[in-house]
Amino acid sequence: MCIGVYRYMVKINKNSAQPYYLQIKEWLQDQIATGKLSADAPLPDERSLAKRLGTSRVTVRRAIMELTRAGYFDRVRGRGTFLRTD
């Protein structure tokens, strides 16, 4: 079962000078900081997030990959992307 991040969707500011992936990255960090993302449920898949956000899958993937490299998420092939618990 996926987490309820859709209730707290970010609105991508298409007029902003800030790239879309950074807007998504900041939104995900806010979701983590406020406890809206739980470690026991997978993040929705890239395709679903991209559709809901009105961006490309590549844009969502870049935001998630940057947060994964920074230690926020663990990606498990075949299972999904999870909030790191350590």
N, C-alpha and C. Protein backbone atom coordinates (compact mmCIF):
# COMPACT_ATOMS: atom_id res chain seq x y z
N MET A 1 0.84 -1.19 0.00
CA MET A 1 0.00 0.00 0.00
C MET A 1 0.89 1.25 0.00
N CYS A 2 0.58 2.20 -0.82
CA CYS A 2 1.38 3.42 -0.92
C CYS A 2 0.93 4.44 0.12
N ILE A 3 1.86 5.30 0.45
CA ILE A 3 1.58 6.34 1.43
C ILE A 3 0.62 7.37 0.86
N GLY A 4 0.03 8.16 1.72
CA GLY A 4 -0.95 9.14 1.30
C GLY A 4 -0.37 10.47 0.88
N VAL A 5 0.71 10.47 0.12
CA VAL A 5 1.31 11.74 -0.28
C VAL A 5 0.41 12.52 -1.23
N TYR A 6 -0.53 11.86 -1.87
CA TYR A 6 -1.39 12.57 -2.82
C TYR A 6 -2.28 13.60 -2.13
N ARG A 7 -2.51 13.43 -0.85
CA ARG A 7 -3.31 14.42 -0.12
C ARG A 7 -2.57 15.72 0.05
N TYR A 8 -1.26 15.68 -0.12
CA TYR A 8 -0.42 16.84 0.13
C TYR A 8 0.40 17.18 -1.10
N MET A 9 -0.25 17.22 -2.23
CA MET A 9 0.49 17.39 -3.48
C MET A 9 1.08 18.78 -3.61
N VAL A 10 2.26 18.80 -4.16
CA VAL A 10 2.96 20.05 -4.44
C VAL A 10 2.43 20.60 -5.76
N LYS A 11 2.39 21.87 -5.83
CA LYS A 11 2.05 22.51 -7.10
C LYS A 11 3.36 22.99 -7.71
N ILE A 12 3.70 22.46 -8.86
CA ILE A 12 4.91 22.87 -9.55
C ILE A 12 4.69 24.27 -10.09
N ASN A 13 5.59 25.18 -9.72
CA ASN A 13 5.51 26.55 -10.20
C ASN A 13 6.23 26.63 -11.54
N LYS A 14 5.47 26.61 -12.60
CA LYS A 14 6.05 26.60 -13.95
C LYS A 14 6.73 27.93 -14.30
N ASN A 15 6.45 28.99 -13.54
CA ASN A 15 7.05 30.30 -13.80
C ASN A 15 8.30 30.55 -12.96
N SER A 16 8.62 29.63 -12.09
CA SER A 16 9.78 29.79 -11.21
C SER A 16 11.08 29.55 -11.98
N ALA A 17 12.12 30.25 -11.56
CA ALA A 17 13.45 30.03 -12.13
C ALA A 17 14.06 28.74 -11.58
N GLN A 18 13.49 28.23 -10.49
CA GLN A 18 13.99 27.00 -9.87
C GLN A 18 13.53 25.79 -10.70
N PRO A 19 14.45 24.89 -11.03
CA PRO A 19 14.09 23.71 -11.82
C PRO A 19 13.01 22.87 -11.13
N TYR A 20 12.20 22.18 -11.93
CA TYR A 20 11.11 21.37 -11.39
C TYR A 20 11.60 20.32 -10.42
N TYR A 21 12.73 19.65 -10.74
CA TYR A 21 13.20 18.58 -9.87
C TYR A 21 13.58 19.11 -8.50
N LEU A 22 14.09 20.35 -8.42
CA LEU A 22 14.41 20.92 -7.11
C LEU A 22 13.14 21.25 -6.33
N GLN A 23 12.10 21.66 -7.03
CA GLN A 23 10.82 21.92 -6.36
C GLN A 23 10.27 20.62 -5.78
N ILE A 24 10.36 19.54 -6.53
CA ILE A 24 9.89 18.23 -6.07
C ILE A 24 10.76 17.75 -4.91
N LYS A 25 12.06 17.92 -5.04
CA LYS A 25 12.98 17.50 -3.98
C LYS A 25 12.67 18.23 -2.67
N GLU A 26 12.46 19.53 -2.73
CA GLU A 26 12.14 20.30 -1.52
C GLU A 26 10.80 19.86 -0.94
N TRP A 27 9.84 19.58 -1.80
CA TRP A 27 8.54 19.11 -1.32
C TRP A 27 8.68 17.76 -0.61
N LEU A 28 9.45 16.84 -1.19
CA LEU A 28 9.66 15.55 -0.54
C LEU A 28 10.37 15.71 0.80
N GLN A 29 11.37 16.58 0.87
CA GLN A 29 12.06 16.83 2.13
C GLN A 29 11.09 17.38 3.17
N ASP A 30 10.18 18.24 2.75
CA ASP A 30 9.16 18.77 3.66
C ASP A 30 8.23 17.65 4.14
N GLN A 31 7.85 16.75 3.24
CA GLN A 31 6.99 15.62 3.61
C GLN A 31 7.67 14.74 4.65
N ILE A 32 9.00 14.57 4.52
CA ILE A 32 9.76 13.79 5.49
C ILE A 32 9.82 14.52 6.82
N ALA A 33 10.15 15.81 6.78
CA ALA A 33 10.30 16.60 8.00
C ALA A 33 9.00 16.69 8.81
N THR A 34 7.88 16.72 8.12
CA THR A 34 6.59 16.85 8.81
C THR A 34 5.97 15.50 9.14
N GLY A 35 6.64 14.41 8.80
CA GLY A 35 6.16 13.08 9.14
C GLY A 35 5.05 12.55 8.24
N LYS A 36 4.85 13.18 7.09
CA LYS A 36 3.81 12.72 6.17
C LYS A 36 4.24 11.53 5.34
N LEU A 37 5.54 11.26 5.30
CA LEU A 37 6.06 10.05 4.65
C LEU A 37 6.45 9.08 5.75
N SER A 38 5.98 7.86 5.66
CA SER A 38 6.33 6.87 6.67
C SER A 38 7.32 5.86 6.11
N ALA A 39 8.16 5.35 6.97
CA ALA A 39 9.21 4.43 6.55
C ALA A 39 8.68 3.05 6.19
N ASP A 40 7.50 2.70 6.65
CA ASP A 40 7.00 1.35 6.41
C ASP A 40 6.20 1.21 5.12
N ALA A 41 5.97 2.30 4.42
CA ALA A 41 5.22 2.25 3.16
C ALA A 41 6.09 2.78 2.02
N PRO A 42 5.98 2.17 0.84
CA PRO A 42 6.80 2.65 -0.27
C PRO A 42 6.32 3.99 -0.81
N LEU A 43 7.24 4.73 -1.36
CA LEU A 43 6.92 5.96 -2.07
C LEU A 43 6.15 5.54 -3.33
N PRO A 44 5.16 6.30 -3.75
CA PRO A 44 4.48 5.95 -5.01
C PRO A 44 5.50 5.89 -6.15
N ASP A 45 5.20 5.08 -7.15
CA ASP A 45 6.14 4.92 -8.26
C ASP A 45 6.31 6.23 -9.03
N GLU A 46 7.43 6.33 -9.73
CA GLU A 46 7.79 7.54 -10.48
C GLU A 46 6.71 7.94 -11.48
N ARG A 47 6.17 6.98 -12.16
CA ARG A 47 5.17 7.26 -13.19
C ARG A 47 3.93 7.91 -12.57
N SER A 48 3.46 7.39 -11.45
CA SER A 48 2.29 7.94 -10.77
C SER A 48 2.56 9.35 -10.27
N LEU A 49 3.73 9.54 -9.64
CA LEU A 49 4.07 10.87 -9.15
C LEU A 49 4.18 11.87 -10.29
N ALA A 50 4.81 11.47 -11.37
CA ALA A 50 4.98 12.37 -12.51
C ALA A 50 3.62 12.79 -13.07
N LYS A 51 2.71 11.85 -13.17
CA LYS A 51 1.38 12.16 -13.70
C LYS A 51 0.66 13.14 -12.77
N ARG A 52 0.71 12.89 -11.47
CA ARG A 52 0.04 13.76 -10.50
C ARG A 52 0.67 15.15 -10.44
N LEU A 53 1.98 15.22 -10.64
CA LEU A 53 2.68 16.50 -10.55
C LEU A 53 2.70 17.26 -11.87
N GLY A 54 2.35 16.58 -12.94
CA GLY A 54 2.36 17.23 -14.24
C GLY A 54 3.75 17.45 -14.79
N THR A 55 4.66 16.55 -14.45
CA THR A 55 6.04 16.63 -14.94
C THR A 55 6.39 15.32 -15.62
N SER A 56 7.61 15.24 -16.10
CA SER A 56 8.06 13.98 -16.71
C SER A 56 8.56 13.03 -15.63
N ARG A 57 8.61 11.77 -15.97
CA ARG A 57 9.13 10.75 -15.05
C ARG A 57 10.61 11.00 -14.76
N VAL A 58 11.34 11.48 -15.75
CA VAL A 58 12.76 11.77 -15.57
C VAL A 58 12.96 12.85 -14.51
N THR A 59 12.09 13.84 -14.47
CA THR A 59 12.18 14.91 -13.49
C THR A 59 11.96 14.36 -12.08
N VAL A 60 10.95 13.53 -11.91
CA VAL A 60 10.67 12.91 -10.61
C VAL A 60 11.84 12.01 -10.21
N ARG A 61 12.33 11.23 -11.18
CA ARG A 61 13.45 10.32 -10.90
C ARG A 61 14.67 11.09 -10.41
N ARG A 62 14.96 12.23 -11.02
CA ARG A 62 16.13 13.01 -10.61
C ARG A 62 15.99 13.50 -9.17
N ALA A 63 14.81 13.97 -8.80
CA ALA A 63 14.58 14.42 -7.43
C ALA A 63 14.76 13.27 -6.44
N ILE A 64 14.19 12.11 -6.76
CA ILE A 64 14.30 10.95 -5.87
C ILE A 64 15.74 10.46 -5.80
N MET A 65 16.44 10.43 -6.94
CA MET A 65 17.84 9.98 -6.94
C MET A 65 18.73 10.89 -6.10
N GLU A 66 18.51 12.19 -6.18
CA GLU A 66 19.31 13.12 -5.37
C GLU A 66 19.07 12.88 -3.88
N LEU A 67 17.82 12.64 -3.51
CA LEU A 67 17.51 12.37 -2.10
C LEU A 67 18.03 11.00 -1.67
N THR A 68 18.06 10.05 -2.60
CA THR A 68 18.63 8.74 -2.29
C THR A 68 20.13 8.86 -2.04
N ARG A 69 20.82 9.61 -2.90
CA ARG A 69 22.26 9.84 -2.71
C ARG A 69 22.56 10.59 -1.41
N ALA A 70 21.64 11.45 -1.00
CA ALA A 70 21.82 12.22 0.23
C ALA A 70 21.45 11.40 1.47
N GLY A 71 20.95 10.18 1.27
CA GLY A 71 20.66 9.30 2.39
C GLY A 71 19.24 9.33 2.91
N TYR A 72 18.33 9.95 2.19
CA TYR A 72 16.93 10.01 2.64
C TYR A 72 16.15 8.74 2.31
N PHE A 73 16.43 8.12 1.16
CA PHE A 73 15.68 6.97 0.70
C PHE A 73 16.58 5.78 0.43
N ASP A 74 15.98 4.59 0.49
CA ASP A 74 16.59 3.35 0.04
C ASP A 74 15.73 2.83 -1.10
N ARG A 75 16.38 2.46 -2.19
CA ARG A 75 15.66 1.88 -3.33
C ARG A 75 15.90 0.39 -3.33
N VAL A 76 14.82 -0.38 -3.37
CA VAL A 76 14.91 -1.83 -3.38
C VAL A 76 14.28 -2.33 -4.67
N ARG A 77 15.10 -2.91 -5.52
CA ARG A 77 14.62 -3.37 -6.82
C ARG A 77 13.47 -4.36 -6.64
N GLY A 78 12.39 -4.11 -7.34
CA GLY A 78 11.22 -4.98 -7.28
C GLY A 78 10.28 -4.69 -6.12
N ARG A 79 10.69 -3.84 -5.18
CA ARG A 79 9.83 -3.53 -4.02
C ARG A 79 9.45 -2.07 -3.97
N GLY A 80 10.37 -1.17 -4.35
CA GLY A 80 10.06 0.25 -4.33
C GLY A 80 11.11 1.10 -3.64
N THR A 81 10.73 2.32 -3.36
CA THR A 81 11.60 3.29 -2.70
C THR A 81 11.02 3.57 -1.32
N PHE A 82 11.86 3.45 -0.31
CA PHE A 82 11.42 3.59 1.07
C PHE A 82 12.23 4.66 1.80
N LEU A 83 11.60 5.32 2.73
CA LEU A 83 12.28 6.28 3.60
C LEU A 83 13.30 5.53 4.44
N ARG A 84 14.51 6.01 4.47
CA ARG A 84 15.57 5.37 5.26
C ARG A 84 15.27 5.55 6.74
N THR A 85 15.44 4.50 7.51
CA THR A 85 15.08 4.53 8.93
C THR A 85 16.26 4.77 9.86
N ASP A 86 17.50 4.69 9.37
CA ASP A 86 18.62 4.88 10.30
C ASP A 86 19.02 6.29 10.44
